Every structure is written in C-alpha cells, then in structure tokens.
Amino acid sequence: MTSLHCWTRRLWALLLSALVLTVSACSQPLTTREKSTLAGGGIGAAAGTVLGAAVGAPGAGAAIGGALGAGAGALTGDQLQARDEELARQEQEIRAQRREIERQRRELERQRQAE
C-alpha cells in the first residue's frame, strides 16, 4: 500500500470519526442549516481529497474542499431554513384565519336563528 493511499485512508477515518462525534454529541435534532453544513463539508472534503491527491496534497485538498463545502452548505441551508420558517409562519396564519372564519360563521348562524 502506498503512503499516499495510507494517508488518504487515515484522513477519511479521521473525518468520519469527527462527523460521527459531532452528530452524536447533539442533544437535539440538527437544523436544516446544520445538516446542509455537514453535508457540504463532507462532500467538499471528499472532492478536495480526490483533487488534492491528483496534485500530491490530499490533506490540503480535503481541508480546503471541506471548508468551502461547509460554507456553501451553510449558505444553502440558511436559505432553506428561512423558507421553511416562512412556510410554517404562513400555515399558522392560515389556521388562525380559518378559526376566525368558523367563529364568524357560527355567530352569523346564531344571529339568523335569533331573528
């Protein structure tokens, strides 16, 4: 086994261990932003390792790729999370409006019966 291959396997083991530790240490479910950051970092590190290995620096490639991927994942996750929060707010407003409409219908029915 070449030293480059051995180094790449050790790096992958380290990255995987860090990912498992990070995910298992969370006491609550990950947010959309956090999931996207982790996914982007993992994908970026993998791509960086491959590209870095091509030029003889898989560790540097993984570090750079992981950082860029995590940044891109965080930005994407932030946008997705903001959209999800807006949708939840709109759904809450719709439920409140439906309750108000139902209350007004009952009130109209009571007025019609009183006449």
C-alpha atoms as a PDB file:
ATOM      1  CA  MET A   1       0.000   0.000   0.000  1.00  0.00           C
ATOM      2  CA  THR A   2       1.442   3.397  -0.936  1.00  0.00           C
ATOM      3  CA  SER A   3       1.946   6.074   1.669  1.00  0.00           C
ATOM      4  CA  LEU A   4      -0.496   8.340  -0.221  1.00  0.00           C
ATOM      5  CA  HIS A   5      -3.192   5.683  -0.057  1.00  0.00           C
ATOM      6  CA  CYS A   6      -2.491   5.105   3.645  1.00  0.00           C
ATOM      7  CA  TRP A   7      -2.624   8.848   4.321  1.00  0.00           C
ATOM      8  CA  THR A   8      -5.937   9.142   2.475  1.00  0.00           C
ATOM      9  CA  ARG A   9      -7.443   6.260   4.471  1.00  0.00           C
ATOM     10  CA  ARG A  10      -6.322   7.822   7.747  1.00  0.00           C
ATOM     11  CA  LEU A  11      -7.775  11.174   6.711  1.00  0.00           C
ATOM     12  CA  TRP A  12     -11.100   9.556   5.822  1.00  0.00           C
ATOM     13  CA  ALA A  13     -11.161   7.722   9.142  1.00  0.00           C
ATOM     14  CA  LEU A  14     -10.464  10.964  10.979  1.00  0.00           C
ATOM     15  CA  LEU A  15     -13.140  12.868   9.060  1.00  0.00           C
ATOM     16  CA  LEU A  16     -15.691  10.112   9.584  1.00  0.00           C
ATOM     17  CA  SER A  17     -14.895   9.945  13.295  1.00  0.00           C
ATOM     18  CA  ALA A  18     -15.278  13.714  13.610  1.00  0.00           C
ATOM     19  CA  LEU A  19     -18.600  13.595  11.775  1.00  0.00           C
ATOM     20  CA  VAL A  20     -19.934  10.765  13.944  1.00  0.00           C
ATOM     21  CA  LEU A  21     -18.812  12.526  17.113  1.00  0.00           C
ATOM     22  CA  THR A  22     -20.370  15.813  16.006  1.00  0.00           C
ATOM     23  CA  VAL A  23     -23.703  14.266  15.080  1.00  0.00           C
ATOM     24  CA  SER A  24     -23.926  12.004  18.139  1.00  0.00           C
ATOM     25  CA  ALA A  25     -22.996  14.830  20.524  1.00  0.00           C
ATOM     26  CA  CYS A  26     -26.056  16.848  19.561  1.00  0.00           C
ATOM     27  CA  SER A  27     -28.769  16.670  22.204  1.00  0.00           C
ATOM     28  CA  GLN A  28     -31.467  17.825  19.814  1.00  0.00           C
ATOM     29  CA  PRO A  29     -32.180  17.236  16.132  1.00  0.00           C
ATOM     30  CA  LEU A  30     -29.990  19.113  13.686  1.00  0.00           C
ATOM     31  CA  THR A  31     -31.431  22.146  11.974  1.00  0.00           C
ATOM     32  CA  THR A  32     -31.636  22.368   8.209  1.00  0.00           C
ATOM     33  CA  ARG A  33     -28.670  24.755   8.269  1.00  0.00           C
ATOM     34  CA  GLU A  34     -26.566  22.325  10.330  1.00  0.00           C
ATOM     35  CA  LYS A  35     -27.452  19.345   8.140  1.00  0.00           C
ATOM     36  CA  SER A  36     -26.537  21.282   5.000  1.00  0.00           C
ATOM     37  CA  THR A  37     -23.270  22.474   6.545  1.00  0.00           C
ATOM     38  CA  LEU A  38     -22.268  18.912   7.454  1.00  0.00           C
ATOM     39  CA  ALA A  39     -23.278  17.544   4.064  1.00  0.00           C
ATOM     40  CA  GLY A  40     -21.469  20.330   2.206  1.00  0.00           C
ATOM     41  CA  GLY A  41     -18.364  19.865   4.343  1.00  0.00           C
ATOM     42  CA  GLY A  42     -18.332  16.115   3.735  1.00  0.00           C
ATOM     43  CA  ILE A  43     -18.872  16.422   0.004  1.00  0.00           C
ATOM     44  CA  GLY A  44     -16.296  19.223  -0.226  1.00  0.00           C
ATOM     45  CA  ALA A  45     -13.734  17.234   1.775  1.00  0.00           C
ATOM     46  CA  ALA A  46     -14.256  14.173  -0.426  1.00  0.00           C
ATOM     47  CA  ALA A  47     -13.913  16.188  -3.617  1.00  0.00           C
ATOM     48  CA  GLY A  48     -10.947  18.081  -2.183  1.00  0.00           C
ATOM     49  CA  THR A  49      -9.204  14.840  -1.241  1.00  0.00           C
ATOM     50  CA  VAL A  50      -9.595  13.476  -4.758  1.00  0.00           C
ATOM     51  CA  LEU A  51      -8.441  16.688  -6.396  1.00  0.00           C
ATOM     52  CA  GLY A  52      -5.658  17.169  -3.850  1.00  0.00           C
ATOM     53  CA  ALA A  53      -4.422  13.622  -4.400  1.00  0.00           C
ATOM     54  CA  ALA A  54      -4.096  14.386  -8.099  1.00  0.00           C
ATOM     55  CA  VAL A  55      -1.570  17.119  -7.297  1.00  0.00           C
ATOM     56  CA  GLY A  56       0.042  15.314  -4.352  1.00  0.00           C
ATOM     57  CA  ALA A  57      -1.677  17.099  -1.455  1.00  0.00           C
ATOM     58  CA  PRO A  58      -4.794  15.151  -0.407  1.00  0.00           C
ATOM     59  CA  GLY A  59      -4.803  16.601   3.122  1.00  0.00           C
ATOM     60  CA  ALA A  60      -4.709  20.182   1.941  1.00  0.00           C
ATOM     61  CA  GLY A  61      -7.308  19.404  -0.699  1.00  0.00           C
ATOM     62  CA  ALA A  62      -9.601  17.858   1.909  1.00  0.00           C
ATOM     63  CA  ALA A  63      -9.188  20.824   4.256  1.00  0.00           C
ATOM     64  CA  ILE A  64      -9.812  23.406   1.556  1.00  0.00           C
ATOM     65  CA  GLY A  65     -12.651  21.430  -0.024  1.00  0.00           C
ATOM     66  CA  GLY A  66     -14.243  20.765   3.363  1.00  0.00           C
ATOM     67  CA  ALA A  67     -14.138  24.430   4.340  1.00  0.00           C
ATOM     68  CA  LEU A  68     -15.539  25.603   1.007  1.00  0.00           C
ATOM     69  CA  GLY A  69     -18.178  22.869   1.024  1.00  0.00           C
ATOM     70  CA  ALA A  70     -19.222  23.661   4.592  1.00  0.00           C
ATOM     71  CA  GLY A  71     -19.514  27.349   3.726  1.00  0.00           C
ATOM     72  CA  ALA A  72     -21.623  26.637   0.652  1.00  0.00           C
ATOM     73  CA  GLY A  73     -23.719  24.146   2.619  1.00  0.00           C
ATOM     74  CA  ALA A  74     -24.293  26.668   5.407  1.00  0.00           C
ATOM     75  CA  LEU A  75     -25.459  29.331   2.945  1.00  0.00           C
ATOM     76  CA  THR A  76     -27.782  26.891   1.203  1.00  0.00           C
ATOM     77  CA  GLY A  77     -29.078  25.512   4.495  1.00  0.00           C
ATOM     78  CA  ASP A  78     -29.711  29.016   5.810  1.00  0.00           C
ATOM     79  CA  GLN A  79     -31.868  29.821   2.786  1.00  0.00           C
ATOM     80  CA  LEU A  80     -33.757  26.533   3.093  1.00  0.00           C
ATOM     81  CA  GLN A  81     -34.305  27.034   6.813  1.00  0.00           C
ATOM     82  CA  ALA A  82     -35.584  30.587   6.269  1.00  0.00           C
ATOM     83  CA  ARG A  83     -38.014  29.280   3.641  1.00  0.00           C
ATOM     84  CA  ASP A  84     -39.220  26.519   5.968  1.00  0.00           C
ATOM     85  CA  GLU A  85     -39.737  29.016   8.796  1.00  0.00           C
ATOM     86  CA  GLU A  86     -41.702  31.328   6.488  1.00  0.00           C
ATOM     87  CA  LEU A  87     -43.904  28.450   5.344  1.00  0.00           C
ATOM     88  CA  ALA A  88     -44.567  27.452   8.949  1.00  0.00           C
ATOM     89  CA  ARG A  89     -45.495  31.053   9.801  1.00  0.00           C
ATOM     90  CA  GLN A  90     -47.867  31.222   6.827  1.00  0.00           C
ATOM     91  CA  GLU A  91     -49.501  27.923   7.783  1.00  0.00           C
ATOM     92  CA  GLN A  92     -50.031  29.222  11.316  1.00  0.00           C
ATOM     93  CA  GLU A  93     -51.674  32.375   9.936  1.00  0.00           C
ATOM     94  CA  ILE A  94     -53.928  30.293   7.683  1.00  0.00           C
ATOM     95  CA  ARG A  95     -55.043  28.162  10.645  1.00  0.00           C
ATOM     96  CA  ALA A  96     -55.799  31.294  12.669  1.00  0.00           C
ATOM     97  CA  GLN A  97     -57.785  32.776   9.771  1.00  0.00           C
ATOM     98  CA  ARG A  98     -59.779  29.543   9.369  1.00  0.00           C
ATOM     99  CA  ARG A  99     -60.631  29.588  13.088  1.00  0.00           C
ATOM    100  CA  GLU A 100     -61.788  33.194  12.775  1.00  0.00           C
ATOM    101  CA  ILE A 101     -63.910  32.389   9.711  1.00  0.00           C
ATOM    102  CA  GLU A 102     -65.527  29.483  11.568  1.00  0.00           C
ATOM    103  CA  ARG A 103     -66.204  31.711  14.587  1.00  0.00           C
ATOM    104  CA  GLN A 104     -67.852  34.302  12.329  1.00  0.00           C
ATOM    105  CA  ARG A 105     -69.962  31.621  10.619  1.00  0.00           C
ATOM    106  CA  ARG A 106     -71.227  30.408  13.983  1.00  0.00           C
ATOM    107  CA  GLU A 107     -72.013  33.987  15.004  1.00  0.00           C
ATOM    108  CA  LEU A 108     -73.955  34.594  11.760  1.00  0.00           C
ATOM    109  CA  GLU A 109     -75.869  31.369  12.281  1.00  0.00           C
ATOM    110  CA  ARG A 110     -76.791  32.433  15.828  1.00  0.00           C
ATOM    111  CA  GLN A 111     -77.979  35.823  14.548  1.00  0.00           C
ATOM    112  CA  ARG A 112     -80.101  34.191  11.838  1.00  0.00           C
ATOM    113  CA  GLN A 113     -81.709  31.889  14.380  1.00  0.00           C
ATOM    114  CA  ALA A 114     -82.422  34.792  16.737  1.00  0.00           C
ATOM    115  CA  GLU A 115     -84.344  36.700  14.034  1.00  0.00           C
END
